[in-house]
């Protein structure tokens, strides 16, 4: 079973990176990962699939969370 959750936060450029959270993001995309390395690589990829990550006014912040 996967123990890591990829969390890709699509935030507006006007939001500082430390303030980009699940609450402030324009879009939150999640998916499973088998390792930390896979998580870091997949974050931008799954965000791009959402269609919002390609806006010039947004950026993607990737988080890797432990599943409970």
N, C-alpha and C. Protein backbone atom coordinates (compact mmCIF):
# COMPACT_ATOMS: atom_id res chain seq x y z
N UNK A 1 0.83 -1.19 0.00
CA UNK A 1 0.00 0.00 0.00
C UNK A 1 0.88 1.25 0.00
N UNK A 2 0.47 2.26 -0.73
CA UNK A 2 1.20 3.52 -0.79
C UNK A 2 1.13 4.23 0.54
N UNK A 3 2.24 4.80 0.95
CA UNK A 3 2.26 5.53 2.20
C UNK A 3 2.50 7.01 2.01
N UNK A 4 2.77 7.44 0.78
CA UNK A 4 3.04 8.85 0.50
C UNK A 4 1.95 9.39 -0.42
N UNK A 5 1.49 10.57 -0.12
CA UNK A 5 0.49 11.24 -0.93
C UNK A 5 1.13 12.47 -1.58
N UNK A 6 1.05 12.54 -2.90
CA UNK A 6 1.52 13.70 -3.64
C UNK A 6 0.44 14.77 -3.55
N UNK A 7 0.81 15.96 -3.13
CA UNK A 7 -0.13 17.07 -3.07
C UNK A 7 0.45 18.21 -3.90
N UNK A 8 -0.20 18.52 -5.01
CA UNK A 8 0.23 19.62 -5.87
C UNK A 8 -0.73 20.78 -5.65
N UNK A 9 -0.20 21.87 -5.16
CA UNK A 9 -0.99 23.07 -4.89
C UNK A 9 -0.76 24.06 -6.01
N UNK A 10 -1.82 24.46 -6.69
CA UNK A 10 -1.73 25.47 -7.74
C UNK A 10 -2.14 26.79 -7.11
N UNK A 11 -1.17 27.69 -6.96
CA UNK A 11 -1.41 28.96 -6.27
C UNK A 11 -1.20 30.14 -7.21
N UNK A 12 -1.89 31.22 -6.91
CA UNK A 12 -1.73 32.46 -7.68
C UNK A 12 -0.36 33.05 -7.39
N UNK A 13 0.23 33.68 -8.41
CA UNK A 13 1.53 34.33 -8.24
C UNK A 13 1.52 35.37 -7.12
N UNK A 14 0.36 35.90 -6.82
CA UNK A 14 0.26 36.92 -5.76
C UNK A 14 0.37 36.32 -4.36
N UNK A 15 0.33 35.00 -4.25
CA UNK A 15 0.46 34.31 -2.95
C UNK A 15 1.91 33.89 -2.77
N UNK A 16 2.53 34.34 -1.70
CA UNK A 16 3.91 33.96 -1.40
C UNK A 16 4.00 32.45 -1.17
N UNK A 17 5.10 31.85 -1.58
CA UNK A 17 5.27 30.40 -1.47
C UNK A 17 5.00 29.87 -0.06
N UNK A 18 5.47 30.51 1.02
CA UNK A 18 5.17 29.99 2.35
C UNK A 18 3.67 30.02 2.68
N UNK A 19 2.93 30.91 2.01
CA UNK A 19 1.49 31.04 2.27
C UNK A 19 0.64 30.17 1.35
N UNK A 20 1.28 29.46 0.43
CA UNK A 20 0.56 28.57 -0.48
C UNK A 20 0.24 27.27 0.26
N UNK A 21 -1.02 27.11 0.64
CA UNK A 21 -1.48 25.95 1.41
C UNK A 21 -2.73 25.37 0.74
N UNK A 22 -3.24 24.31 1.30
CA UNK A 22 -4.49 23.74 0.78
C UNK A 22 -5.62 24.77 0.85
N UNK A 23 -5.59 25.65 1.84
CA UNK A 23 -6.64 26.65 2.01
C UNK A 23 -6.53 27.81 1.03
N UNK A 24 -5.30 28.16 0.63
CA UNK A 24 -5.12 29.33 -0.24
C UNK A 24 -4.95 28.96 -1.72
N UNK A 25 -4.77 27.69 -2.01
CA UNK A 25 -4.54 27.25 -3.39
C UNK A 25 -5.80 27.41 -4.24
N UNK A 26 -5.59 27.69 -5.53
CA UNK A 26 -6.69 27.75 -6.48
C UNK A 26 -7.17 26.35 -6.82
N UNK A 27 -6.26 25.39 -6.77
CA UNK A 27 -6.58 24.00 -7.08
C UNK A 27 -5.65 23.12 -6.26
N UNK A 28 -6.16 21.99 -5.80
CA UNK A 28 -5.38 21.00 -5.07
C UNK A 28 -5.56 19.68 -5.79
N UNK A 29 -4.44 19.10 -6.24
CA UNK A 29 -4.48 17.83 -6.95
C UNK A 29 -3.65 16.84 -6.15
N UNK A 30 -4.20 15.66 -5.92
CA UNK A 30 -3.48 14.65 -5.14
C UNK A 30 -3.35 13.35 -5.91
N UNK A 31 -2.40 12.56 -5.50
CA UNK A 31 -2.19 11.25 -6.10
C UNK A 31 -1.23 10.44 -5.24
N UNK A 32 -1.15 9.14 -5.49
CA UNK A 32 -0.27 8.29 -4.70
C UNK A 32 1.17 8.31 -5.22
N UNK A 33 2.10 8.01 -4.33
CA UNK A 33 3.51 7.84 -4.69
C UNK A 33 4.10 6.72 -3.85
N UNK A 34 5.08 6.06 -4.40
CA UNK A 34 5.72 4.96 -3.69
C UNK A 34 6.98 5.39 -2.95
N UNK A 35 7.52 6.55 -3.32
CA UNK A 35 8.74 7.04 -2.68
C UNK A 35 8.73 8.56 -2.68
N UNK A 36 9.61 9.15 -1.89
CA UNK A 36 9.73 10.60 -1.84
C UNK A 36 10.16 11.16 -3.20
N UNK A 37 11.09 10.48 -3.86
CA UNK A 37 11.56 10.93 -5.17
C UNK A 37 10.42 10.92 -6.19
N UNK A 38 9.63 9.87 -6.18
CA UNK A 38 8.48 9.79 -7.09
C UNK A 38 7.49 10.91 -6.80
N UNK A 39 7.29 11.21 -5.55
CA UNK A 39 6.38 12.27 -5.15
C UNK A 39 6.83 13.61 -5.72
N UNK A 40 8.11 13.93 -5.56
CA UNK A 40 8.62 15.22 -6.02
C UNK A 40 8.55 15.36 -7.53
N UNK A 41 8.70 14.26 -8.26
CA UNK A 41 8.63 14.30 -9.72
C UNK A 41 7.18 14.38 -10.18
N UNK A 42 6.29 13.68 -9.50
CA UNK A 42 4.90 13.61 -9.95
C UNK A 42 4.08 14.85 -9.63
N UNK A 43 4.46 15.62 -8.63
CA UNK A 43 3.68 16.80 -8.26
C UNK A 43 3.39 17.73 -9.43
N UNK A 44 4.41 18.25 -10.10
CA UNK A 44 4.16 19.13 -11.24
C UNK A 44 3.43 18.43 -12.38
N UNK A 45 3.68 17.13 -12.55
CA UNK A 45 3.03 16.38 -13.63
C UNK A 45 1.52 16.28 -13.40
N UNK A 46 1.11 15.94 -12.19
CA UNK A 46 -0.33 15.83 -11.95
C UNK A 46 -0.99 17.20 -11.92
N UNK A 47 -0.27 18.22 -11.51
CA UNK A 47 -0.82 19.57 -11.54
C UNK A 47 -1.03 20.02 -12.98
N UNK A 48 -0.09 19.69 -13.86
CA UNK A 48 -0.23 20.04 -15.27
C UNK A 48 -1.47 19.38 -15.87
N UNK A 49 -1.78 18.19 -15.42
CA UNK A 49 -2.97 17.49 -15.89
C UNK A 49 -4.26 18.16 -15.47
N UNK A 50 -4.20 19.01 -14.46
CA UNK A 50 -5.40 19.70 -14.00
C UNK A 50 -5.78 20.85 -14.93
N UNK A 51 -4.81 21.31 -15.75
CA UNK A 51 -5.09 22.41 -16.67
C UNK A 51 -4.86 23.78 -16.09
N UNK A 52 -4.77 23.92 -14.78
CA UNK A 52 -4.57 25.23 -14.15
C UNK A 52 -3.10 25.58 -14.00
N UNK A 53 -2.26 24.58 -14.01
CA UNK A 53 -0.84 24.81 -13.77
C UNK A 53 -0.14 25.53 -14.92
N UNK A 54 -0.79 25.63 -16.06
CA UNK A 54 -0.16 26.26 -17.22
C UNK A 54 -0.48 27.74 -17.32
N UNK A 55 -1.31 28.26 -16.42
CA UNK A 55 -1.62 29.69 -16.41
C UNK A 55 -0.35 30.48 -16.10
N UNK A 56 -0.18 31.62 -16.75
CA UNK A 56 0.99 32.46 -16.47
C UNK A 56 0.88 33.13 -15.12
N UNK A 57 -0.31 33.15 -14.54
CA UNK A 57 -0.53 33.82 -13.26
C UNK A 57 -0.49 32.86 -12.07
N UNK A 58 -0.04 31.62 -12.30
CA UNK A 58 -0.02 30.64 -11.22
C UNK A 58 1.34 29.92 -11.16
N UNK A 59 1.56 29.22 -10.06
CA UNK A 59 2.71 28.34 -9.93
C UNK A 59 2.29 27.11 -9.15
N UNK A 60 3.11 26.08 -9.21
CA UNK A 60 2.81 24.82 -8.53
C UNK A 60 3.77 24.62 -7.38
N UNK A 61 3.21 24.30 -6.23
CA UNK A 61 4.01 23.93 -5.06
C UNK A 61 3.68 22.47 -4.74
N UNK A 62 4.69 21.64 -4.69
CA UNK A 62 4.51 20.21 -4.44
C UNK A 62 4.81 19.90 -2.99
N UNK A 63 3.92 19.13 -2.38
CA UNK A 63 4.13 18.65 -1.02
C UNK A 63 4.01 17.13 -1.03
N UNK A 64 4.74 16.50 -0.17
CA UNK A 64 4.66 15.05 0.01
C UNK A 64 4.20 14.81 1.44
N UNK A 65 3.06 14.14 1.57
CA UNK A 65 2.50 13.91 2.90
C UNK A 65 2.41 12.43 3.19
N UNK A 66 2.59 12.07 4.43
CA UNK A 66 2.40 10.68 4.85
C UNK A 66 0.91 10.39 4.92
N UNK A 67 0.52 9.25 4.39
CA UNK A 67 -0.86 8.79 4.53
C UNK A 67 -1.01 8.13 5.88
N UNK A 68 -2.16 8.32 6.47
CA UNK A 68 -2.42 7.72 7.80
C UNK A 68 -3.46 6.63 7.67
